[in-house]
């Protein structure tokens, strides 16, 4: 029987805007470090942060739901000037958030390098 990855429930957001600012800065840094710094990375981080904050303000705590909201809403974002896409950004957000609450999101032999 395959191992099922348990879902992560985040605590209720007391300060979603502060979470969003942290996420925007962390994601922007991750995007710049993952390939090369690009001006579009700031815009991508800002857009992802806005989606995340809105979801958190609406009371969302389920990590899978947050990731799916990011994937869905970023489908309309123009990634043509970027190395990244909506799935990469959503997965990076998930990994950054999980790392921030002490959950190791690496899988199957990935390196132990930090996302932050």
C-alpha atoms as a PDB file:
ATOM      1  CA  UNK A   1       0.000   0.000   0.000  1.00  0.00           C
ATOM      2  CA  UNK A   2       1.433   3.416  -0.923  1.00  0.00           C
ATOM      3  CA  UNK A   3       2.319   5.874   1.795  1.00  0.00           C
ATOM      4  CA  UNK A   4      -0.200   8.666   1.926  1.00  0.00           C
ATOM      5  CA  UNK A   5       1.216  12.091   2.655  1.00  0.00           C
ATOM      6  CA  UNK A   6      -0.809  13.656   5.439  1.00  0.00           C
ATOM      7  CA  UNK A   7      -2.275  17.080   4.839  1.00  0.00           C
ATOM      8  CA  UNK A   8      -1.021  20.040   6.817  1.00  0.00           C
ATOM      9  CA  UNK A   9      -3.440  22.273   8.699  1.00  0.00           C
ATOM     10  CA  UNK A  10      -2.007  25.697   9.420  1.00  0.00           C
ATOM     11  CA  UNK A  11      -2.964  27.579  12.553  1.00  0.00           C
ATOM     12  CA  UNK A  12      -5.635  30.254  12.146  1.00  0.00           C
ATOM     13  CA  UNK A  13      -3.991  33.413  10.826  1.00  0.00           C
ATOM     14  CA  UNK A  14      -3.887  36.080  13.533  1.00  0.00           C
ATOM     15  CA  UNK A  15      -1.986  38.497  11.285  1.00  0.00           C
ATOM     16  CA  UNK A  16      -2.499  37.436   7.646  1.00  0.00           C
ATOM     17  CA  UNK A  17      -0.991  40.637   6.247  1.00  0.00           C
ATOM     18  CA  UNK A  18       2.197  40.036   8.241  1.00  0.00           C
ATOM     19  CA  UNK A  19       2.278  36.425   6.986  1.00  0.00           C
ATOM     20  CA  UNK A  20       1.828  37.768   3.469  1.00  0.00           C
ATOM     21  CA  UNK A  21       4.696  40.224   3.791  1.00  0.00           C
ATOM     22  CA  UNK A  22       6.968  37.478   5.108  1.00  0.00           C
ATOM     23  CA  UNK A  23       5.867  35.211   2.243  1.00  0.00           C
ATOM     24  CA  UNK A  24       6.415  37.919  -0.387  1.00  0.00           C
ATOM     25  CA  UNK A  25       9.962  38.550   0.845  1.00  0.00           C
ATOM     26  CA  UNK A  26      10.804  34.850   1.265  1.00  0.00           C
ATOM     27  CA  UNK A  27       9.371  33.838  -2.113  1.00  0.00           C
ATOM     28  CA  UNK A  28      11.098  36.714  -3.888  1.00  0.00           C
ATOM     29  CA  UNK A  29      14.409  35.635  -2.349  1.00  0.00           C
ATOM     30  CA  UNK A  30      13.773  31.995  -3.301  1.00  0.00           C
ATOM     31  CA  UNK A  31      12.864  32.901  -6.897  1.00  0.00           C
ATOM     32  CA  UNK A  32      16.018  35.036  -7.247  1.00  0.00           C
ATOM     33  CA  UNK A  33      18.230  32.304  -5.820  1.00  0.00           C
ATOM     34  CA  UNK A  34      16.658  29.369  -7.670  1.00  0.00           C
ATOM     35  CA  UNK A  35      17.784  30.548 -11.131  1.00  0.00           C
ATOM     36  CA  UNK A  36      18.802  34.158 -11.670  1.00  0.00           C
ATOM     37  CA  UNK A  37      17.422  37.385 -10.241  1.00  0.00           C
ATOM     38  CA  UNK A  38      14.818  38.837 -12.598  1.00  0.00           C
ATOM     39  CA  UNK A  39      12.654  41.925 -12.226  1.00  0.00           C
ATOM     40  CA  UNK A  40       9.522  39.811 -12.774  1.00  0.00           C
ATOM     41  CA  UNK A  41      10.270  37.819  -9.606  1.00  0.00           C
ATOM     42  CA  UNK A  42       9.111  40.713  -7.422  1.00  0.00           C
ATOM     43  CA  UNK A  43       5.780  40.784  -9.268  1.00  0.00           C
ATOM     44  CA  UNK A  44       5.342  37.010  -9.031  1.00  0.00           C
ATOM     45  CA  UNK A  45       6.063  37.085  -5.291  1.00  0.00           C
ATOM     46  CA  UNK A  46       3.625  39.974  -4.804  1.00  0.00           C
ATOM     47  CA  UNK A  47       0.843  38.207  -6.720  1.00  0.00           C
ATOM     48  CA  UNK A  48       1.345  34.894  -4.891  1.00  0.00           C
ATOM     49  CA  UNK A  49       1.362  36.723  -1.568  1.00  0.00           C
ATOM     50  CA  UNK A  50      -1.916  38.507  -2.393  1.00  0.00           C
ATOM     51  CA  UNK A  51      -3.605  35.191  -3.193  1.00  0.00           C
ATOM     52  CA  UNK A  52      -2.237  33.577  -0.044  1.00  0.00           C
ATOM     53  CA  UNK A  53      -3.310  36.492   2.193  1.00  0.00           C
ATOM     54  CA  UNK A  54      -6.814  36.538   0.739  1.00  0.00           C
ATOM     55  CA  UNK A  55      -7.173  32.814   1.370  1.00  0.00           C
ATOM     56  CA  UNK A  56      -5.893  33.185   4.935  1.00  0.00           C
ATOM     57  CA  UNK A  57      -8.224  36.153   5.628  1.00  0.00           C
ATOM     58  CA  UNK A  58     -11.107  33.971   4.429  1.00  0.00           C
ATOM     59  CA  UNK A  59     -10.100  31.449   7.105  1.00  0.00           C
ATOM     60  CA  UNK A  60      -8.288  28.874   4.992  1.00  0.00           C
ATOM     61  CA  UNK A  61      -5.934  26.645   6.977  1.00  0.00           C
ATOM     62  CA  UNK A  62      -5.687  23.609   4.684  1.00  0.00           C
ATOM     63  CA  UNK A  63      -2.314  23.567   2.878  1.00  0.00           C
ATOM     64  CA  UNK A  64      -3.597  21.564  -0.097  1.00  0.00           C
ATOM     65  CA  UNK A  65      -6.449  24.024  -0.604  1.00  0.00           C
ATOM     66  CA  UNK A  66      -4.016  26.944  -0.405  1.00  0.00           C
ATOM     67  CA  UNK A  67      -1.747  25.337  -3.006  1.00  0.00           C
ATOM     68  CA  UNK A  68      -4.666  24.618  -5.326  1.00  0.00           C
ATOM     69  CA  UNK A  69      -5.885  28.227  -5.000  1.00  0.00           C
ATOM     70  CA  UNK A  70      -2.413  29.450  -5.953  1.00  0.00           C
ATOM     71  CA  UNK A  71      -2.154  27.052  -8.908  1.00  0.00           C
ATOM     72  CA  UNK A  72      -5.605  28.018 -10.164  1.00  0.00           C
ATOM     73  CA  UNK A  73      -5.311  31.775  -9.727  1.00  0.00           C
ATOM     74  CA  UNK A  74      -1.785  31.927 -11.111  1.00  0.00           C
ATOM     75  CA  UNK A  75      -2.917  30.176 -14.318  1.00  0.00           C
ATOM     76  CA  UNK A  76      -3.873  33.620 -15.629  1.00  0.00           C
ATOM     77  CA  UNK A  77      -0.539  35.192 -14.729  1.00  0.00           C
ATOM     78  CA  UNK A  78       1.813  35.809 -17.678  1.00  0.00           C
ATOM     79  CA  UNK A  79       4.933  33.781 -16.849  1.00  0.00           C
ATOM     80  CA  UNK A  80       6.443  34.360 -20.321  1.00  0.00           C
ATOM     81  CA  UNK A  81       9.216  36.571 -18.868  1.00  0.00           C
ATOM     82  CA  UNK A  82      10.087  34.065 -16.157  1.00  0.00           C
ATOM     83  CA  UNK A  83      11.716  30.686 -15.723  1.00  0.00           C
ATOM     84  CA  UNK A  84       8.860  29.741 -13.407  1.00  0.00           C
ATOM     85  CA  UNK A  85       5.244  28.684 -13.763  1.00  0.00           C
ATOM     86  CA  UNK A  86       2.179  28.488 -11.560  1.00  0.00           C
ATOM     87  CA  UNK A  87       2.923  24.990 -10.224  1.00  0.00           C
ATOM     88  CA  UNK A  88       6.513  25.857  -9.325  1.00  0.00           C
ATOM     89  CA  UNK A  89       5.432  28.994  -7.485  1.00  0.00           C
ATOM     90  CA  UNK A  90       2.610  27.225  -5.617  1.00  0.00           C
ATOM     91  CA  UNK A  91       4.928  24.409  -4.575  1.00  0.00           C
ATOM     92  CA  UNK A  92       7.589  26.884  -3.433  1.00  0.00           C
ATOM     93  CA  UNK A  93       4.995  28.718  -1.330  1.00  0.00           C
ATOM     94  CA  UNK A  94       3.963  25.426   0.234  1.00  0.00           C
ATOM     95  CA  UNK A  95       7.551  24.445   1.022  1.00  0.00           C
ATOM     96  CA  UNK A  96       8.379  27.879   2.463  1.00  0.00           C
ATOM     97  CA  UNK A  97       5.284  27.950   4.666  1.00  0.00           C
ATOM     98  CA  UNK A  98       5.797  24.388   5.861  1.00  0.00           C
ATOM     99  CA  UNK A  99       9.466  25.054   6.579  1.00  0.00           C
ATOM    100  CA  UNK A 100       8.457  28.156   8.567  1.00  0.00           C
ATOM    101  CA  UNK A 101       6.300  26.019  10.886  1.00  0.00           C
ATOM    102  CA  UNK A 102       8.938  23.333  11.250  1.00  0.00           C
ATOM    103  CA  UNK A 103       7.694  20.719   8.784  1.00  0.00           C
ATOM    104  CA  UNK A 104      10.209  19.110   6.437  1.00  0.00           C
ATOM    105  CA  UNK A 105       8.476  19.009   3.048  1.00  0.00           C
ATOM    106  CA  UNK A 106      11.344  17.337   1.187  1.00  0.00           C
ATOM    107  CA  UNK A 107      10.691  13.974  -0.317  1.00  0.00           C
ATOM    108  CA  UNK A 108      12.481  10.987  -1.738  1.00  0.00           C
ATOM    109  CA  UNK A 109      16.162  11.841  -1.504  1.00  0.00           C
ATOM    110  CA  UNK A 110      16.013  15.580  -2.102  1.00  0.00           C
ATOM    111  CA  UNK A 111      18.956  17.523  -0.756  1.00  0.00           C
ATOM    112  CA  UNK A 112      18.802  19.018   2.678  1.00  0.00           C
ATOM    113  CA  UNK A 113      19.338  22.553   1.354  1.00  0.00           C
ATOM    114  CA  UNK A 114      17.050  25.130   2.877  1.00  0.00           C
ATOM    115  CA  UNK A 115      14.446  27.001   0.860  1.00  0.00           C
ATOM    116  CA  UNK A 116      14.946  30.178   2.844  1.00  0.00           C
END
